[in-house]
């Protein structure tokens, strides 16, 4: 009986410490995930090729979005002649800033088929029906290419059919202002050229780390009582 009296306060303390009443330190899960992000990870050559595609897709999609917004604005302000002067998204400050961050050099060039650039080796797992070229021409250099297709009505205003998408006078003005412009009289979904990016290994590795790192999200526990 005396032993039971001695153990009774201990059992009462255990009963009072129910799991739903235990207070955890704030940010414990976030601290654990941030600590995991600082652990060294091994990035394989295949990982770097995947990151090259991710970086290329992200940068070119961002540039194309800015291009559409800019062309729509300039068409309203000054018409086709003014808008055509802004059809160089690779030189936009926002695009240049993103490219510098990932150590990439973007350009828009003539479309090259998958057999043309010998240096751009197609990456395993990245080839199926994408028309992209992902390669590693040198130890510290990566290459990305994807086609630029005519799939937007704004682009048809400069590159479409004279007399249908733009007037004959507008077509003549474009040829006068931009003598090197060859992509006039094109059809929707036709390939106009190619986005090409040359990326440094350190930038690709940093992009892979950012893409795969754990992001902490606060999960609120439901109220039980």
Protein backbone atom coordinates (compact mmCIF):
# COMPACT_ATOMS: atom_id res chain seq x y z
CA UNK A 1 0.00 0.00 0.00
CA UNK A 2 2.84 2.33 0.86
CA UNK A 3 4.51 1.63 -2.52
CA UNK A 4 1.24 2.45 -4.29
CA UNK A 5 1.07 5.79 -2.49
CA UNK A 6 4.61 6.60 -3.63
CA UNK A 7 3.86 5.74 -7.28
CA UNK A 8 0.50 7.51 -7.38
CA UNK A 9 1.94 11.07 -7.92
CA UNK A 10 4.10 9.72 -10.76
CA UNK A 11 1.07 8.25 -12.55
CA UNK A 12 -0.85 11.50 -12.06
CA UNK A 13 1.96 13.46 -13.73
CA UNK A 14 1.99 11.07 -16.70
CA UNK A 15 -1.77 11.37 -17.08
CA UNK A 16 -1.52 15.15 -17.07
CA UNK A 17 1.02 15.14 -19.94
CA UNK A 18 -1.30 14.10 -22.75
CA UNK A 19 0.23 14.26 -26.30
CA UNK A 20 -2.18 16.97 -27.39
CA UNK A 21 -1.00 19.17 -24.53
CA UNK A 22 2.74 18.92 -25.21
CA UNK A 23 4.10 22.22 -26.55
CA UNK A 24 6.68 21.81 -29.29
CA UNK A 25 9.33 24.39 -30.01
CA UNK A 26 8.19 26.74 -32.81
CA UNK A 27 9.82 26.18 -36.19
CA UNK A 28 11.25 22.75 -35.34
CA UNK A 29 10.20 21.23 -38.67
CA UNK A 30 11.46 24.26 -40.60
CA UNK A 31 14.82 24.08 -38.85
CA UNK A 32 15.12 20.37 -39.65
CA UNK A 33 14.36 20.91 -43.34
CA UNK A 34 16.71 23.88 -43.61
CA UNK A 35 19.43 21.76 -42.00
CA UNK A 36 18.80 19.03 -44.59
CA UNK A 37 19.15 21.60 -47.38
CA UNK A 38 22.66 22.44 -46.18
CA UNK A 39 23.80 18.83 -46.42
CA UNK A 40 26.14 18.10 -49.31
CA UNK A 41 24.46 16.21 -52.15
CA UNK A 42 25.98 14.42 -55.11
CA UNK A 43 24.81 15.81 -58.44
CA UNK A 44 25.21 13.31 -61.27
CA UNK A 45 25.82 14.15 -64.94
CA UNK A 46 22.23 13.12 -65.68
CA UNK A 47 21.02 15.52 -62.98
CA UNK A 48 22.94 18.34 -64.64
CA UNK A 49 21.35 17.55 -68.01
CA UNK A 50 17.91 17.60 -66.42
CA UNK A 51 18.75 20.94 -64.79
CA UNK A 52 19.87 22.28 -68.17
CA UNK A 53 16.45 21.53 -69.59
CA UNK A 54 14.68 23.01 -66.57
CA UNK A 55 16.76 26.18 -66.74
CA UNK A 56 16.32 26.52 -70.50
CA UNK A 57 12.57 25.98 -70.34
CA UNK A 58 12.19 28.44 -67.46
CA UNK A 59 14.28 31.22 -68.97
CA UNK A 60 12.83 30.99 -72.49
CA UNK A 61 9.24 30.73 -71.24
CA UNK A 62 9.82 33.84 -69.10
CA UNK A 63 11.31 35.68 -72.09
CA UNK A 64 8.41 34.68 -74.35
CA UNK A 65 5.89 35.91 -71.76
CA UNK A 66 7.65 39.28 -71.53
CA UNK A 67 7.77 39.45 -75.33
CA UNK A 68 4.00 38.97 -75.69
CA UNK A 69 3.26 41.59 -73.04
CA UNK A 70 5.69 44.06 -74.58
CA UNK A 71 4.38 43.58 -78.13
CA UNK A 72 0.77 44.01 -76.98
CA UNK A 73 1.68 47.26 -75.22
CA UNK A 74 3.72 48.68 -78.11
CA UNK A 75 1.10 47.75 -80.73
CA UNK A 76 -1.42 49.83 -78.82
CA UNK A 77 0.99 52.73 -78.42
CA UNK A 78 2.64 53.01 -81.83
CA UNK A 79 1.46 50.28 -84.15
CA UNK A 80 3.38 47.57 -85.94
CA UNK A 81 6.42 49.67 -86.86
CA UNK A 82 7.10 50.49 -83.21
CA UNK A 83 6.32 47.02 -81.87
CA UNK A 84 8.78 45.36 -84.27
CA UNK A 85 11.65 47.19 -82.57
CA UNK A 86 10.98 45.23 -79.37
CA UNK A 87 11.13 41.73 -80.86
CA UNK A 88 14.41 40.91 -79.13
CA UNK A 89 13.44 39.39 -75.78
CA UNK A 90 16.95 38.02 -75.22
CA UNK A 91 18.11 41.62 -74.69
CA UNK A 92 15.39 42.60 -72.20
CA UNK A 93 16.90 43.69 -68.85
CA UNK A 94 14.73 41.21 -66.92
CA UNK A 95 15.85 38.32 -69.13
CA UNK A 96 19.49 39.42 -68.95
CA UNK A 97 19.26 39.55 -65.15
CA UNK A 98 17.88 36.00 -64.94
CA UNK A 99 20.47 34.73 -67.43
CA UNK A 100 23.32 36.24 -65.42
CA UNK A 101 22.00 34.61 -62.25
CA UNK A 102 22.20 31.15 -63.82
CA UNK A 103 25.34 31.96 -65.88
CA UNK A 104 23.51 31.46 -69.17
CA UNK A 105 23.95 33.17 -72.53
CA UNK A 106 20.65 33.15 -74.47
CA UNK A 107 20.29 33.87 -78.16
CA UNK A 108 17.71 33.43 -80.90
CA UNK A 109 19.11 31.78 -84.00
CA UNK A 110 18.22 29.84 -87.11
CA UNK A 111 16.64 26.49 -86.34
CA UNK A 112 19.05 23.55 -86.43
CA UNK A 113 17.86 19.97 -86.59
CA UNK A 114 19.00 17.40 -84.07
CA UNK A 115 21.69 16.14 -86.47
CA UNK A 116 23.29 19.54 -87.11
CA UNK A 117 25.26 20.52 -83.96
CA UNK A 118 27.64 17.63 -83.25
CA UNK A 119 28.59 19.21 -79.92
CA UNK A 120 25.03 19.02 -78.60
CA UNK A 121 24.69 15.43 -77.49
CA UNK A 122 21.08 14.43 -76.91
CA UNK A 123 20.55 13.47 -73.29
CA UNK A 124 19.08 10.11 -72.33
CA UNK A 125 15.52 10.52 -71.11
CA UNK A 126 15.18 14.02 -72.55
CA UNK A 127 14.70 13.13 -76.20
CA UNK A 128 11.16 11.75 -76.61
CA UNK A 129 9.15 13.94 -79.02
CA UNK A 130 10.31 17.22 -77.47
CA UNK A 131 12.41 18.59 -80.36
CA UNK A 132 14.81 19.93 -77.74
CA UNK A 133 18.55 19.49 -77.81
CA UNK A 134 20.21 19.10 -74.44
CA UNK A 135 23.94 18.47 -74.45
CA UNK A 136 27.31 18.92 -72.81
CA UNK A 137 29.81 20.03 -75.44
CA UNK A 138 32.53 20.56 -72.81
CA UNK A 139 33.16 19.57 -69.20
CA UNK A 140 31.97 22.90 -67.80
CA UNK A 141 29.58 23.92 -70.59
CA UNK A 142 26.00 22.87 -71.32
CA UNK A 143 23.85 23.52 -74.36
CA UNK A 144 20.08 23.94 -74.75
CA UNK A 145 18.00 24.46 -77.87
CA UNK A 146 14.28 24.46 -78.56
CA UNK A 147 12.27 25.68 -81.56
CA UNK A 148 10.42 29.00 -81.70
CA UNK A 149 7.05 28.29 -83.26
CA UNK A 150 4.54 30.76 -84.64
CA UNK A 151 1.67 30.03 -82.27
CA UNK A 152 0.54 33.48 -81.18
CA UNK A 153 -1.59 36.06 -83.00
CA UNK A 154 0.76 38.83 -81.87
CA UNK A 155 3.63 37.14 -83.71
CA UNK A 156 1.47 36.80 -86.82
CA UNK A 157 1.21 40.59 -86.97
CA UNK A 158 4.85 40.71 -88.10
CA UNK A 159 5.53 37.22 -89.43
CA UNK A 160 2.16 36.30 -90.94
CA UNK A 161 0.72 36.57 -94.43
CA UNK A 162 0.67 40.07 -96.04
CA UNK A 163 -2.90 40.98 -96.89
CA UNK A 164 -4.28 38.75 -94.16
CA UNK A 165 -2.34 39.20 -90.92
CA UNK A 166 -0.72 42.51 -91.88
CA UNK A 167 -1.26 44.93 -94.70
CA UNK A 168 1.01 45.14 -97.75
CA UNK A 169 2.11 48.60 -96.59
CA UNK A 170 3.05 47.23 -93.16
CA UNK A 171 5.01 44.38 -94.76
CA UNK A 172 6.91 46.84 -96.95
CA UNK A 173 7.65 49.05 -93.94
CA UNK A 174 8.99 46.08 -91.98
CA UNK A 175 11.29 45.12 -94.85
CA UNK A 176 12.52 48.71 -95.03
CA UNK A 177 13.17 49.00 -91.28
CA UNK A 178 14.51 45.46 -90.88
CA UNK A 179 16.17 44.38 -94.16
CA UNK A 180 17.41 41.14 -92.62
CA UNK A 181 13.93 40.02 -91.61
CA UNK A 182 13.29 36.74 -93.41
CA UNK A 183 10.38 35.35 -91.42
CA UNK A 184 7.53 37.10 -93.23
CA UNK A 185 4.69 35.26 -94.92
CA UNK A 186 4.75 32.37 -92.46
CA UNK A 187 1.92 30.08 -91.42
CA UNK A 188 0.67 29.35 -87.87
CA UNK A 189 2.65 26.64 -86.03
CA UNK A 190 5.59 27.07 -88.42
CA UNK A 191 9.10 27.15 -86.93
CA UNK A 192 10.58 30.65 -87.01
CA UNK A 193 13.92 29.94 -85.38
CA UNK A 194 15.39 28.55 -82.19
CA UNK A 195 16.17 29.55 -78.65
CA UNK A 196 19.75 28.56 -77.87
CA UNK A 197 21.40 28.78 -74.47
CA UNK A 198 24.97 28.13 -73.40
CA UNK A 199 25.21 27.54 -69.66
CA UNK A 200 28.13 27.22 -67.26
CA UNK A 201 28.32 24.15 -65.03
CA UNK A 202 28.24 26.13 -61.78
CA UNK A 203 25.04 27.90 -62.83
CA UNK A 204 23.40 24.61 -63.84
CA UNK A 205 24.37 23.01 -60.53
CA UNK A 206 22.98 25.96 -58.58
CA UNK A 207 19.72 25.77 -60.53
CA UNK A 208 19.46 22.03 -59.79
CA UNK A 209 20.01 22.65 -56.08
CA UNK A 210 17.34 25.36 -56.02
CA UNK A 211 14.90 23.19 -57.97
CA UNK A 212 15.25 20.14 -55.73
CA UNK A 213 15.72 21.68 -52.28
CA UNK A 214 13.01 21.15 -49.72
CA UNK A 215 10.67 24.07 -49.19
CA UNK A 216 9.17 24.35 -45.75
CA UNK A 217 5.43 24.79 -45.54
CA UNK A 218 3.61 25.41 -42.30
CA UNK A 219 1.01 22.75 -41.56
CA UNK A 220 -1.50 23.81 -38.93
CA UNK A 221 -2.69 20.98 -36.71
CA UNK A 222 -6.48 20.65 -36.45
CA UNK A 223 -8.08 21.50 -33.15
CA UNK A 224 -9.09 18.33 -31.33
CA UNK A 225 -11.20 20.00 -28.65
